[in-house]
Amino acid sequence: MEICDYLPFWSKLTQEQQQTLERGVALYHASKGEIVHNGSEDCIGPLIVVKGQLRVYSYSDDGREVTLYRLFERDVCILSAYCMLNSLQFDISVQAEKDCVLYRIPAPVYKKLMQESAPVANYTTELIASSFSDVMWLLDQILYKHLDSRLAAFLVNESELNDSLQLKITHEEIAHHLGSAREVVTRMLKYFQNEHMVEIARGCITITDLKKLTQVAQDSLR
């Protein structure tokens, strides 16, 4: 698919603007685990997921990672272009969770389009609002929901994403997603195992009672 297929405002651009965008955009391949955007020192411009899956995350004051949200095929990551967004200071990193194919629009090119085109500016505002809605939902989860509910919801969501009850993931990786400590996650997983909801093995968690796990997760499922 071409870049025009991913941008709902394409038809509202002038021919010159379309050509500028086509000349500037680049197709980028990222391997699983690769950091494609690394905080405030790295303003690469918007990223469009053609194939694969991205994790957008930040760091707590004590250095723990916490996943803010994920991006899937056809999603656009606008916060990787924070430098072109006036008065927005939001330090995030983006990692490829799977092998990815991405469109990358240089920040100067996109910023110029935003300044010239009201449809582009409106679309960007909608993307930012959606991103911060995800972040505020996560903040509510961290502040007001118990870890057992959040962990259960994470496992249920992972099962749906991978279409499998067997999850190839470590306790450390789960802790990074939830903004918790590995030891805390391990203790909670052992509790889930004692309650016959999961089976734990090295680098693998198997859900054995999805219905019961979903009940625990109820307060943290969207």
N, C-alpha and C. Protein backbone atom coordinates (compact mmCIF):
# COMPACT_ATOMS: atom_id res chain seq x y z
N MET A 1 0.83 -1.20 0.00
CA MET A 1 0.00 0.00 0.00
C MET A 1 0.87 1.26 0.00
N GLU A 2 0.37 2.32 -0.61
CA GLU A 2 1.10 3.57 -0.69
C GLU A 2 0.79 4.44 0.52
N ILE A 3 1.62 5.46 0.73
CA ILE A 3 1.45 6.35 1.88
C ILE A 3 0.07 6.99 1.87
N CYS A 4 -0.48 7.26 0.69
CA CYS A 4 -1.79 7.91 0.61
C CYS A 4 -2.89 7.07 1.22
N ASP A 5 -2.70 5.75 1.26
CA ASP A 5 -3.72 4.85 1.80
C ASP A 5 -3.80 4.91 3.33
N TYR A 6 -2.81 5.52 3.97
CA TYR A 6 -2.75 5.55 5.43
C TYR A 6 -3.13 6.90 6.01
N LEU A 7 -3.31 7.91 5.16
CA LEU A 7 -3.56 9.26 5.65
C LEU A 7 -4.94 9.74 5.20
N PRO A 8 -5.88 9.87 6.11
CA PRO A 8 -7.25 10.23 5.74
C PRO A 8 -7.39 11.63 5.15
N PHE A 9 -6.38 12.47 5.36
CA PHE A 9 -6.44 13.84 4.83
C PHE A 9 -5.80 13.96 3.45
N TRP A 10 -5.33 12.86 2.88
CA TRP A 10 -4.57 12.91 1.63
C TRP A 10 -5.31 13.66 0.52
N SER A 11 -6.57 13.35 0.33
CA SER A 11 -7.33 13.94 -0.77
C SER A 11 -7.54 15.44 -0.59
N LYS A 12 -7.32 15.94 0.62
CA LYS A 12 -7.52 17.36 0.89
C LYS A 12 -6.22 18.17 0.77
N LEU A 13 -5.13 17.49 0.43
CA LEU A 13 -3.85 18.17 0.20
C LEU A 13 -3.80 18.66 -1.25
N THR A 14 -3.04 19.71 -1.46
CA THR A 14 -2.80 20.14 -2.84
C THR A 14 -1.85 19.16 -3.50
N GLN A 15 -1.77 19.22 -4.81
CA GLN A 15 -0.86 18.32 -5.53
C GLN A 15 0.58 18.56 -5.09
N GLU A 16 0.94 19.80 -4.87
CA GLU A 16 2.31 20.11 -4.42
C GLU A 16 2.58 19.53 -3.05
N GLN A 17 1.61 19.62 -2.15
CA GLN A 17 1.77 19.07 -0.81
C GLN A 17 1.89 17.54 -0.86
N GLN A 18 1.10 16.91 -1.71
CA GLN A 18 1.18 15.46 -1.88
C GLN A 18 2.57 15.06 -2.37
N GLN A 19 3.09 15.79 -3.33
CA GLN A 19 4.42 15.48 -3.87
C GLN A 19 5.50 15.68 -2.82
N THR A 20 5.38 16.74 -2.03
CA THR A 20 6.35 16.99 -0.95
C THR A 20 6.35 15.83 0.04
N LEU A 21 5.17 15.36 0.38
CA LEU A 21 5.04 14.26 1.33
C LEU A 21 5.61 12.97 0.74
N GLU A 22 5.32 12.70 -0.52
CA GLU A 22 5.83 11.49 -1.17
C GLU A 22 7.35 11.49 -1.26
N ARG A 23 7.92 12.66 -1.51
CA ARG A 23 9.39 12.76 -1.59
C ARG A 23 10.04 12.59 -0.22
N GLY A 24 9.36 13.05 0.82
CA GLY A 24 9.98 13.04 2.15
C GLY A 24 9.83 11.72 2.90
N VAL A 25 8.72 11.01 2.67
CA VAL A 25 8.45 9.81 3.45
C VAL A 25 9.44 8.69 3.10
N ALA A 26 9.77 7.89 4.09
CA ALA A 26 10.70 6.77 3.88
C ALA A 26 10.13 5.51 4.51
N LEU A 27 10.35 4.38 3.85
CA LEU A 27 9.93 3.09 4.39
C LEU A 27 11.07 2.55 5.26
N TYR A 28 10.73 2.15 6.47
CA TYR A 28 11.75 1.77 7.46
C TYR A 28 11.41 0.39 8.01
N HIS A 29 12.42 -0.47 8.09
CA HIS A 29 12.24 -1.80 8.66
C HIS A 29 12.90 -1.85 10.04
N ALA A 30 12.15 -2.30 11.03
CA ALA A 30 12.66 -2.40 12.40
C ALA A 30 12.53 -3.84 12.88
N SER A 31 13.59 -4.36 13.46
CA SER A 31 13.58 -5.73 13.97
C SER A 31 12.93 -5.78 15.35
N LYS A 32 12.39 -6.93 15.70
CA LYS A 32 11.78 -7.11 17.02
C LYS A 32 12.78 -6.73 18.11
N GLY A 33 12.34 -5.88 19.04
CA GLY A 33 13.19 -5.43 20.14
C GLY A 33 13.92 -4.13 19.86
N GLU A 34 13.93 -3.68 18.63
CA GLU A 34 14.66 -2.45 18.26
C GLU A 34 13.95 -1.21 18.81
N ILE A 35 14.75 -0.27 19.32
CA ILE A 35 14.22 1.02 19.76
C ILE A 35 14.19 1.93 18.54
N VAL A 36 13.00 2.33 18.12
CA VAL A 36 12.87 3.15 16.92
C VAL A 36 12.76 4.63 17.25
N HIS A 37 12.49 4.95 18.49
CA HIS A 37 12.47 6.34 18.95
C HIS A 37 12.91 6.34 20.40
N ASN A 38 13.84 7.21 20.75
CA ASN A 38 14.44 7.14 22.08
C ASN A 38 14.41 8.49 22.79
N GLY A 39 13.25 8.84 23.28
CA GLY A 39 13.14 10.00 24.15
C GLY A 39 13.30 11.34 23.47
N SER A 40 13.52 12.36 24.28
CA SER A 40 13.50 13.74 23.83
C SER A 40 14.66 14.11 22.92
N GLU A 41 15.70 13.30 22.87
CA GLU A 41 16.83 13.60 22.01
C GLU A 41 16.62 13.12 20.58
N ASP A 42 15.47 12.51 20.32
CA ASP A 42 15.29 11.79 19.05
C ASP A 42 13.92 12.10 18.46
N CYS A 43 13.81 13.23 17.77
CA CYS A 43 12.54 13.63 17.18
C CYS A 43 12.54 13.21 15.71
N ILE A 44 11.98 12.05 15.43
CA ILE A 44 12.10 11.47 14.09
C ILE A 44 10.89 11.76 13.21
N GLY A 45 9.83 12.31 13.76
CA GLY A 45 8.62 12.55 13.00
C GLY A 45 7.62 11.43 13.18
N PRO A 46 6.41 11.59 12.63
CA PRO A 46 5.37 10.57 12.79
C PRO A 46 5.78 9.22 12.19
N LEU A 47 5.33 8.17 12.85
CA LEU A 47 5.55 6.80 12.38
C LEU A 47 4.20 6.16 12.06
N ILE A 48 4.11 5.51 10.92
CA ILE A 48 2.90 4.81 10.53
C ILE A 48 3.23 3.32 10.45
N VAL A 49 2.45 2.50 11.16
CA VAL A 49 2.70 1.07 11.18
C VAL A 49 2.07 0.42 9.95
N VAL A 50 2.91 -0.03 9.03
CA VAL A 50 2.45 -0.78 7.86
C VAL A 50 2.27 -2.24 8.23
N LYS A 51 3.21 -2.75 9.01
CA LYS A 51 3.17 -4.14 9.45
C LYS A 51 3.89 -4.24 10.78
N GLY A 52 3.35 -5.05 11.70
CA GLY A 52 4.03 -5.26 12.97
C GLY A 52 3.30 -4.64 14.14
N GLN A 53 4.05 -4.35 15.20
CA GLN A 53 3.47 -3.87 16.45
C GLN A 53 4.50 -3.07 17.22
N LEU A 54 4.12 -1.89 17.68
CA LEU A 54 5.01 -1.01 18.44
C LEU A 54 4.53 -0.87 19.88
N ARG A 55 5.49 -0.67 20.77
CA ARG A 55 5.18 -0.37 22.18
C ARG A 55 5.67 1.03 22.49
N VAL A 56 4.77 1.88 22.96
CA VAL A 56 5.12 3.24 23.37
C VAL A 56 5.23 3.23 24.89
N TYR A 57 6.37 3.64 25.41
CA TYR A 57 6.57 3.54 26.85
C TYR A 57 7.35 4.73 27.40
N SER A 58 7.31 4.84 28.72
CA SER A 58 8.02 5.92 29.40
C SER A 58 8.69 5.34 30.63
N TYR A 59 9.45 6.18 31.34
CA TYR A 59 10.14 5.75 32.54
C TYR A 59 9.59 6.49 33.76
N SER A 60 9.44 5.77 34.86
CA SER A 60 9.06 6.41 36.12
C SER A 60 10.29 7.08 36.72
N ASP A 61 10.07 7.84 37.78
CA ASP A 61 11.18 8.55 38.42
C ASP A 61 12.25 7.60 38.96
N ASP A 62 11.85 6.38 39.31
CA ASP A 62 12.82 5.42 39.84
C ASP A 62 13.39 4.52 38.74
N GLY A 63 13.14 4.88 37.48
CA GLY A 63 13.79 4.17 36.37
C GLY A 63 13.03 2.97 35.83
N ARG A 64 11.82 2.73 36.31
CA ARG A 64 11.04 1.60 35.81
C ARG A 64 10.33 1.98 34.51
N GLU A 65 10.27 1.03 33.59
CA GLU A 65 9.51 1.24 32.37
C GLU A 65 8.03 1.00 32.63
N VAL A 66 7.20 1.72 31.89
CA VAL A 66 5.76 1.45 31.93
C VAL A 66 5.21 1.67 30.52
N THR A 67 4.50 0.68 30.02
CA THR A 67 3.91 0.77 28.69
C THR A 67 2.71 1.71 28.73
N LEU A 68 2.73 2.73 27.86
CA LEU A 68 1.63 3.68 27.79
C LEU A 68 0.51 3.16 26.90
N TYR A 69 0.88 2.66 25.75
CA TYR A 69 -0.07 2.04 24.84
C TYR A 69 0.70 1.34 23.72
N ARG A 70 -0.03 0.61 22.90
CA ARG A 70 0.59 -0.08 21.78
C ARG A 70 -0.02 0.41 20.47
N LEU A 71 0.73 0.20 19.40
CA LEU A 71 0.28 0.60 18.08
C LEU A 71 0.34 -0.60 17.14
N PHE A 72 -0.71 -0.76 16.34
CA PHE A 72 -0.82 -1.90 15.44
C PHE A 72 -0.92 -1.41 14.00
N GLU A 73 -1.12 -2.34 13.08
CA GLU A 73 -1.14 -1.98 11.67
C GLU A 73 -2.14 -0.87 11.38
N ARG A 74 -1.66 0.12 10.61
CA ARG A 74 -2.40 1.32 10.20
C ARG A 74 -2.45 2.39 11.28
N ASP A 75 -1.94 2.12 12.49
CA ASP A 75 -1.89 3.14 13.53
C ASP A 75 -0.77 4.13 13.26
N VAL A 76 -0.91 5.34 13.79
CA VAL A 76 0.09 6.40 13.62
C VAL A 76 0.61 6.81 14.99
N CYS A 77 1.93 6.86 15.13
CA CYS A 77 2.56 7.34 16.35
C CYS A 77 2.94 8.80 16.14
N ILE A 78 2.22 9.71 16.80
CA ILE A 78 2.48 11.13 16.63
C ILE A 78 3.45 11.66 17.69
N LEU A 79 3.55 10.98 18.84
CA LEU A 79 4.40 11.50 19.91
C LEU A 79 5.88 11.33 19.61
N SER A 80 6.23 10.56 18.59
CA SER A 80 7.63 10.48 18.16
C SER A 80 8.03 11.74 17.41
N ALA A 81 7.07 12.64 17.21
CA ALA A 81 7.33 13.93 16.53
C ALA A 81 7.05 15.07 17.50
N TYR A 82 7.34 14.85 18.78
CA TYR A 82 6.99 15.82 19.82
C TYR A 82 7.57 17.20 19.55
N CYS A 83 8.77 17.26 18.90
CA CYS A 83 9.48 18.53 18.73
C CYS A 83 8.72 19.51 17.85
N MET A 84 7.80 19.02 17.05
CA MET A 84 7.06 19.92 16.17
C MET A 84 5.72 20.33 16.78
N LEU A 85 5.44 19.82 17.98
CA LEU A 85 4.18 20.12 18.64
C LEU A 85 4.42 21.16 19.72
N ASN A 86 3.95 22.36 19.51
CA ASN A 86 4.23 23.48 20.40
C ASN A 86 3.77 23.20 21.83
N SER A 87 4.66 23.51 22.78
CA SER A 87 4.36 23.43 24.21
C SER A 87 4.14 22.00 24.72
N LEU A 88 4.44 21.00 23.90
CA LEU A 88 4.27 19.62 24.34
C LEU A 88 5.62 19.03 24.74
N GLN A 89 5.75 18.71 26.02
CA GLN A 89 6.96 18.08 26.53
C GLN A 89 6.58 16.73 27.10
N PHE A 90 6.81 15.70 26.34
CA PHE A 90 6.38 14.37 26.74
C PHE A 90 7.43 13.38 26.29
N ASP A 91 8.24 12.92 27.23
CA ASP A 91 9.40 12.11 26.90
C ASP A 91 9.01 10.64 26.83
N ILE A 92 8.92 10.11 25.62
CA ILE A 92 8.53 8.71 25.45
C ILE A 92 9.53 8.01 24.54
N SER A 93 9.52 6.69 24.62
CA SER A 93 10.32 5.87 23.72
C SER A 93 9.40 4.90 22.99
N VAL A 94 9.84 4.42 21.84
CA VAL A 94 9.03 3.51 21.03
C VAL A 94 9.89 2.31 20.65
N GLN A 95 9.37 1.12 20.90
CA GLN A 95 10.10 -0.12 20.62
C GLN A 95 9.27 -1.02 19.73
N ALA A 96 9.92 -1.71 18.81
CA ALA A 96 9.25 -2.69 17.96
C ALA A 96 9.04 -3.98 18.77
N GLU A 97 7.78 -4.36 18.97
CA GLU A 97 7.48 -5.60 19.69
C GLU A 97 7.51 -6.80 18.75
N LYS A 98 7.36 -6.53 17.47
CA LYS A 98 7.49 -7.54 16.43
C LYS A 98 8.31 -6.92 15.31
N ASP A 99 8.77 -7.74 14.37
CA ASP A 99 9.40 -7.18 13.18
C ASP A 99 8.40 -6.24 12.51
N CYS A 100 8.87 -5.04 12.19
CA CYS A 100 7.96 -4.00 11.72
C CYS A 100 8.39 -3.42 10.37
N VAL A 101 7.39 -3.01 9.61
CA VAL A 101 7.59 -2.14 8.45
C VAL A 101 6.86 -0.85 8.76
N LEU A 102 7.57 0.27 8.69
CA LEU A 102 7.01 1.56 9.09
C LEU A 102 7.23 2.60 8.01
N TYR A 103 6.27 3.50 7.88
CA TYR A 103 6.49 4.73 7.14
C TYR A 103 6.95 5.78 8.14
N ARG A 104 7.99 6.51 7.78
CA ARG A 104 8.50 7.55 8.66
C ARG A 104 8.45 8.89 7.91
N ILE A 105 7.68 9.83 8.45
CA ILE A 105 7.56 11.15 7.83
C ILE A 105 8.46 12.12 8.59
N PRO A 106 9.44 12.73 7.94
CA PRO A 106 10.33 13.66 8.64
C PRO A 106 9.54 14.77 9.34
N ALA A 107 9.95 15.11 10.55
CA ALA A 107 9.24 16.11 11.34
C ALA A 107 9.10 17.45 10.60
N PRO A 108 10.16 17.98 9.94
CA PRO A 108 10.00 19.27 9.24
C PRO A 108 8.94 19.22 8.13
N VAL A 109 8.87 18.09 7.42
CA VAL A 109 7.89 17.94 6.35
C VAL A 109 6.47 17.95 6.92
N TYR A 110 6.27 17.19 7.98
CA TYR A 110 4.93 17.11 8.57
C TYR A 110 4.54 18.43 9.23
N LYS A 111 5.49 19.08 9.88
CA LYS A 111 5.19 20.36 10.54
C LYS A 111 4.75 21.40 9.52
N LYS A 112 5.42 21.42 8.37
CA LYS A 112 5.05 22.37 7.31
C LYS A 112 3.62 22.09 6.82
N LEU A 113 3.29 20.82 6.66
CA LEU A 113 1.93 20.47 6.25
C LEU A 113 0.90 20.90 7.29
N MET A 114 1.23 20.71 8.57
CA MET A 114 0.33 21.12 9.64
C MET A 114 0.05 22.61 9.60
N GLN A 115 1.09 23.38 9.30
CA GLN A 115 0.96 24.83 9.26
C GLN A 115 0.15 25.30 8.06
N GLU A 116 0.21 24.55 6.98
CA GLU A 116 -0.44 24.95 5.73
C GLU A 116 -1.86 24.39 5.58
N SER A 117 -2.13 23.25 6.21
CA SER A 117 -3.38 22.54 5.95
C SER A 117 -4.20 22.34 7.23
N ALA A 118 -5.41 22.88 7.26
CA ALA A 118 -6.29 22.70 8.41
C ALA A 118 -6.66 21.23 8.62
N PRO A 119 -6.95 20.45 7.56
CA PRO A 119 -7.26 19.02 7.76
C PRO A 119 -6.12 18.26 8.43
N VAL A 120 -4.86 18.57 8.08
CA VAL A 120 -3.72 17.92 8.71
C VAL A 120 -3.63 18.32 10.18
N ALA A 121 -3.82 19.61 10.46
CA ALA A 121 -3.77 20.10 11.84
C ALA A 121 -4.86 19.45 12.68
N ASN A 122 -6.07 19.34 12.12
CA ASN A 122 -7.19 18.73 12.86
C ASN A 122 -6.93 17.24 13.11
N TYR A 123 -6.40 16.56 12.11
CA TYR A 123 -6.09 15.14 12.25
C TYR A 123 -5.03 14.93 13.34
N THR A 124 -4.02 15.79 13.36
CA THR A 124 -2.95 15.69 14.36
C THR A 124 -3.50 15.92 15.76
N THR A 125 -4.40 16.89 15.90
CA THR A 125 -5.03 17.15 17.20
C THR A 125 -5.80 15.93 17.68
N GLU A 126 -6.50 15.27 16.77
CA GLU A 126 -7.24 14.06 17.13
C GLU A 126 -6.31 12.95 17.58
N LEU A 127 -5.17 12.80 16.89
CA LEU A 127 -4.20 11.77 17.28
C LEU A 127 -3.65 12.05 18.68
N ILE A 128 -3.31 13.31 18.94
CA ILE A 128 -2.77 13.67 20.26
C ILE A 128 -3.80 13.41 21.34
N ALA A 129 -5.05 13.79 21.08
CA ALA A 129 -6.12 13.58 22.06
C ALA A 129 -6.30 12.09 22.35
N SER A 130 -6.24 11.27 21.31
CA SER A 130 -6.38 9.83 21.49
C SER A 130 -5.23 9.26 22.32
N SER A 131 -4.01 9.73 22.04
CA SER A 131 -2.83 9.26 22.78
C SER A 131 -2.94 9.62 24.25
N PHE A 132 -3.35 10.84 24.54
CA PHE A 132 -3.44 11.25 25.94
C PHE A 132 -4.62 10.61 26.65
N SER A 133 -5.65 10.25 25.91
CA SER A 133 -6.74 9.50 26.50
C SER A 133 -6.23 8.14 26.98
N ASP A 134 -5.39 7.50 26.17
CA ASP A 134 -4.79 6.22 26.56
C ASP A 134 -3.92 6.40 27.81
N VAL A 135 -3.15 7.48 27.85
CA VAL A 135 -2.26 7.73 28.98
C VAL A 135 -3.06 7.99 30.25
N MET A 136 -4.15 8.76 30.14
CA MET A 136 -4.96 9.05 31.32
C MET A 136 -5.65 7.78 31.83
N TRP A 137 -6.07 6.91 30.90
CA TRP A 137 -6.66 5.63 31.32
C TRP A 137 -5.62 4.82 32.10
N LEU A 138 -4.38 4.80 31.60
CA LEU A 138 -3.32 4.06 32.28
C LEU A 138 -3.05 4.66 33.66
N LEU A 139 -3.04 5.98 33.76
CA LEU A 139 -2.80 6.64 35.05
C LEU A 139 -3.87 6.24 36.05
N ASP A 140 -5.11 6.19 35.61
CA ASP A 140 -6.20 5.75 36.48
C ASP A 140 -5.98 4.32 36.95
N GLN A 141 -5.50 3.47 36.04
CA GLN A 141 -5.21 2.08 36.40
C GLN A 141 -4.13 1.99 37.48
N ILE A 142 -3.06 2.73 37.28
CA ILE A 142 -1.93 2.68 38.21
C ILE A 142 -2.32 3.21 39.58
N LEU A 143 -3.11 4.29 39.59
CA LEU A 143 -3.44 4.95 40.85
C LEU A 143 -4.54 4.22 41.63
N TYR A 144 -5.50 3.64 40.90
CA TYR A 144 -6.71 3.20 41.59
C TYR A 144 -7.05 1.72 41.45
N LYS A 145 -6.33 1.00 40.60
CA LYS A 145 -6.64 -0.42 40.43
C LYS A 145 -5.56 -1.29 41.06
N HIS A 146 -5.96 -2.44 41.56
CA HIS A 146 -5.02 -3.36 42.18
C HIS A 146 -4.17 -4.06 41.11
N LEU A 147 -2.95 -4.42 41.49
CA LEU A 147 -2.04 -5.06 40.53
C LEU A 147 -2.58 -6.40 40.05
N ASP A 148 -3.30 -7.13 40.88
CA ASP A 148 -3.82 -8.42 40.42
C ASP A 148 -4.77 -8.23 39.24
N SER A 149 -5.59 -7.19 39.30
CA SER A 149 -6.51 -6.91 38.20
C SER A 149 -5.74 -6.47 36.96
N ARG A 150 -4.75 -5.61 37.12
CA ARG A 150 -3.97 -5.12 35.98
C ARG A 150 -3.16 -6.24 35.33
N LEU A 151 -2.57 -7.09 36.17
CA LEU A 151 -1.79 -8.21 35.64
C LEU A 151 -2.69 -9.21 34.92
N ALA A 152 -3.83 -9.51 35.50
CA ALA A 152 -4.76 -10.44 34.85
C ALA A 152 -5.22 -9.87 33.51
N ALA A 153 -5.51 -8.57 33.47
CA ALA A 153 -5.95 -7.94 32.22
C ALA A 153 -4.85 -7.98 31.18
N PHE A 154 -3.61 -7.78 31.61
CA PHE A 154 -2.49 -7.84 30.67
C PHE A 154 -2.39 -9.24 30.06
N LEU A 155 -2.51 -10.26 30.87
CA LEU A 155 -2.41 -11.64 30.37
C LEU A 155 -3.56 -11.96 29.42
N VAL A 156 -4.77 -11.52 29.76
CA VAL A 156 -5.93 -11.76 28.90
C VAL A 156 -5.73 -11.05 27.55
N ASN A 157 -5.27 -9.81 27.59
CA ASN A 157 -5.05 -9.05 26.35
C ASN A 157 -3.94 -9.68 25.51
N GLU A 158 -2.88 -10.14 26.16
CA GLU A 158 -1.79 -10.79 25.43
C GLU A 158 -2.29 -12.07 24.75
N SER A 159 -3.15 -12.80 25.44
CA SER A 159 -3.70 -14.02 24.87
C SER A 159 -4.52 -13.70 23.62
N GLU A 160 -5.30 -12.62 23.68
CA GLU A 160 -6.10 -12.22 22.52
C GLU A 160 -5.21 -11.75 21.37
N LEU A 161 -4.18 -10.98 21.68
CA LEU A 161 -3.29 -10.46 20.64
C LEU A 161 -2.56 -11.58 19.91
N ASN A 162 -2.16 -12.59 20.67
CA ASN A 162 -1.37 -13.68 20.10
C ASN A 162 -2.21 -14.90 19.72
N ASP A 163 -3.51 -14.82 20.01
CA ASP A 163 -4.42 -15.93 19.72
C ASP A 163 -3.90 -17.24 20.28
N SER A 164 -3.46 -17.17 21.53
CA SER A 164 -2.89 -18.35 22.17
C SER A 164 -3.01 -18.21 23.68
N LEU A 165 -3.18 -19.33 24.36
CA LEU A 165 -3.18 -19.34 25.82
C LEU A 165 -1.77 -19.50 26.37
N GLN A 166 -0.82 -19.79 25.50
CA GLN A 166 0.58 -19.93 25.91
C GLN A 166 1.34 -18.67 25.52
N LEU A 167 1.83 -17.94 26.50
CA LEU A 167 2.46 -16.65 26.27
C LEU A 167 3.97 -16.76 26.47
N LYS A 168 4.73 -16.46 25.42
CA LYS A 168 6.19 -16.48 25.51
C LYS A 168 6.66 -15.12 26.00
N ILE A 169 6.72 -14.95 27.31
CA ILE A 169 7.07 -13.67 27.89
C ILE A 169 7.68 -13.89 29.27
N THR A 170 8.62 -13.04 29.64
CA THR A 170 9.29 -13.17 30.94
C THR A 170 8.61 -12.28 31.98
N HIS A 171 8.89 -12.55 33.24
CA HIS A 171 8.35 -11.74 34.32
C HIS A 171 8.89 -10.31 34.22
N GLU A 172 10.14 -10.18 33.78
CA GLU A 172 10.75 -8.85 33.63
C GLU A 172 10.01 -8.04 32.56
N GLU A 173 9.68 -8.67 31.46
CA GLU A 173 8.96 -7.97 30.39
C GLU A 173 7.57 -7.52 30.86
N ILE A 174 6.91 -8.38 31.61
CA ILE A 174 5.59 -8.00 32.15
C ILE A 174 5.73 -6.81 33.09
N ALA A 175 6.75 -6.84 33.93
CA ALA A 175 6.99 -5.73 34.86
C ALA A 175 7.19 -4.42 34.11
N HIS A 176 7.91 -4.48 32.98
CA HIS A 176 8.13 -3.28 32.17
C HIS A 176 6.81 -2.74 31.62
N HIS A 177 5.94 -3.63 31.23
CA HIS A 177 4.64 -3.19 30.71
C HIS A 177 3.81 -2.52 31.80
N LEU A 178 3.85 -3.08 33.00
CA LEU A 178 2.96 -2.62 34.07
C LEU A 178 3.57 -1.55 34.96
N GLY A 179 4.85 -1.25 34.77
CA GLY A 179 5.51 -0.25 35.62
C GLY A 179 5.71 -0.75 37.03
N SER A 180 5.91 -2.04 37.16
CA SER A 180 6.08 -2.65 38.48
C SER A 180 7.47 -3.27 38.57
N ALA A 181 7.74 -3.94 39.69
CA ALA A 181 9.01 -4.63 39.88
C ALA A 181 8.84 -6.10 39.53
N ARG A 182 9.91 -6.70 39.00
CA ARG A 182 9.84 -8.10 38.60
C ARG A 182 9.44 -8.99 39.77
N GLU A 183 9.97 -8.71 40.96
CA GLU A 183 9.68 -9.55 42.12
C GLU A 183 8.19 -9.52 42.47
N VAL A 184 7.59 -8.34 42.32
CA VAL A 184 6.16 -8.20 42.62
C VAL A 184 5.33 -8.99 41.61
N VAL A 185 5.71 -8.89 40.34
CA VAL A 185 5.01 -9.64 39.29
C VAL A 185 5.14 -11.14 39.53
N THR A 186 6.32 -11.59 39.90
CA THR A 186 6.55 -13.01 40.16
C THR A 186 5.66 -13.52 41.29
N ARG A 187 5.57 -12.74 42.36
CA ARG A 187 4.73 -13.15 43.49
C ARG A 187 3.26 -13.25 43.07
N MET A 188 2.81 -12.28 42.27
CA MET A 188 1.41 -12.30 41.85
C MET A 188 1.14 -13.47 40.89
N LEU A 189 2.09 -13.77 40.02
CA LEU A 189 1.93 -14.91 39.10
C LEU A 189 1.88 -16.22 39.88
N LYS A 190 2.68 -16.32 40.92
CA LYS A 190 2.64 -17.53 41.75
C LYS A 190 1.29 -17.68 42.44
N TYR A 191 0.73 -16.54 42.84
CA TYR A 191 -0.62 -16.57 43.43
C TYR A 191 -1.63 -17.05 42.38
N PHE A 192 -1.53 -16.52 41.17
CA PHE A 192 -2.42 -16.97 40.09
C PHE A 192 -2.26 -18.47 39.84
N GLN A 193 -1.02 -18.95 39.93
CA GLN A 193 -0.77 -20.38 39.71
C GLN A 193 -1.40 -21.21 40.83
N ASN A 194 -1.27 -20.72 42.07
CA ASN A 194 -1.87 -21.44 43.20
C ASN A 194 -3.39 -21.48 43.09
N GLU A 195 -3.95 -20.47 42.41
CA GLU A 195 -5.41 -20.41 42.20
C GLU A 195 -5.81 -21.14 40.91
N HIS A 196 -4.85 -21.81 40.28
CA HIS A 196 -5.09 -22.62 39.09
C HIS A 196 -5.57 -21.82 37.87
N MET A 197 -5.11 -20.56 37.78
CA MET A 197 -5.44 -19.73 36.63
C MET A 197 -4.36 -19.76 35.56
N VAL A 198 -3.12 -20.00 35.99
CA VAL A 198 -1.99 -20.06 35.06
C VAL A 198 -1.03 -21.15 35.49
N GLU A 199 -0.16 -21.52 34.55
CA GLU A 199 1.00 -22.38 34.85
C GLU A 199 2.24 -21.61 34.43
N ILE A 200 3.22 -21.59 35.32
CA ILE A 200 4.43 -20.81 35.07
C ILE A 200 5.58 -21.73 34.71
N ALA A 201 6.29 -21.39 33.65
CA ALA A 201 7.52 -22.08 33.26
C ALA A 201 8.53 -21.01 32.85
N ARG A 202 9.76 -21.39 32.65
CA ARG A 202 10.79 -20.43 32.30
C ARG A 202 10.47 -19.78 30.95
N GLY A 203 10.29 -18.46 30.95
CA GLY A 203 10.02 -17.72 29.73
C GLY A 203 8.66 -17.97 29.13
N CYS A 204 7.77 -18.57 29.91
CA CYS A 204 6.45 -18.94 29.36
C CYS A 204 5.40 -18.95 30.47
N ILE A 205 4.22 -18.43 30.14
CA ILE A 205 3.07 -18.47 31.05
C ILE A 205 1.90 -19.04 30.26
N THR A 206 1.30 -20.09 30.79
CA THR A 206 0.16 -20.72 30.14
C THR A 206 -1.10 -20.44 30.94
N ILE A 207 -2.09 -19.87 30.30
CA ILE A 207 -3.37 -19.61 30.97
C ILE A 207 -4.17 -20.91 31.00
N THR A 208 -4.54 -21.33 32.19
CA THR A 208 -5.25 -22.59 32.36
C THR A 208 -6.73 -22.40 32.66
N ASP A 209 -7.10 -21.21 33.13
CA ASP A 209 -8.51 -20.92 33.40
C ASP A 209 -8.78 -19.49 32.96
N LEU A 210 -9.07 -19.33 31.66
CA LEU A 210 -9.27 -18.00 31.09
C LEU A 210 -10.48 -17.30 31.70
N LYS A 211 -11.54 -18.04 31.97
CA LYS A 211 -12.75 -17.45 32.53
C LYS A 211 -12.48 -16.83 33.89
N LYS A 212 -11.78 -17.56 34.74
CA LYS A 212 -11.48 -17.08 36.09
C LYS A 212 -10.51 -15.89 36.03
N LEU A 213 -9.53 -15.97 35.14
CA LEU A 213 -8.57 -14.88 34.99
C LEU A 213 -9.28 -13.61 34.49
N THR A 214 -10.22 -13.78 33.59
CA THR A 214 -10.96 -12.64 33.07
C THR A 214 -11.81 -11.99 34.16
N GLN A 215 -12.33 -12.78 35.05
CA GLN A 215 -13.11 -12.23 36.18
C GLN A 215 -12.22 -11.37 37.07
N VAL A 216 -11.00 -11.83 37.32
CA VAL A 216 -10.05 -11.04 38.12
C VAL A 216 -9.69 -9.74 37.41
N ALA A 217 -9.65 -9.82 36.07
CA ALA A 217 -9.22 -8.68 35.27
C ALA A 217 -10.31 -7.66 35.01
N GLN A 218 -11.52 -7.91 35.45
CA GLN A 218 -12.70 -7.16 35.02
C GLN A 218 -12.52 -5.65 35.14
N ASP A 219 -11.95 -5.17 36.24
CA ASP A 219 -11.83 -3.73 36.47
C ASP A 219 -10.80 -3.07 35.57
N SER A 220 -9.96 -3.87 34.91
CA SER A 220 -8.85 -3.29 34.12
C SER A 220 -8.94 -3.62 32.64
N LEU A 221 -10.05 -4.20 32.21
CA LEU A 221 -10.23 -4.47 30.78
C LEU A 221 -10.96 -3.29 30.13
N ARG A 222 -10.55 -2.96 28.91
CA ARG A 222 -11.20 -1.83 28.21
C ARG A 222 -12.26 -2.37 27.24
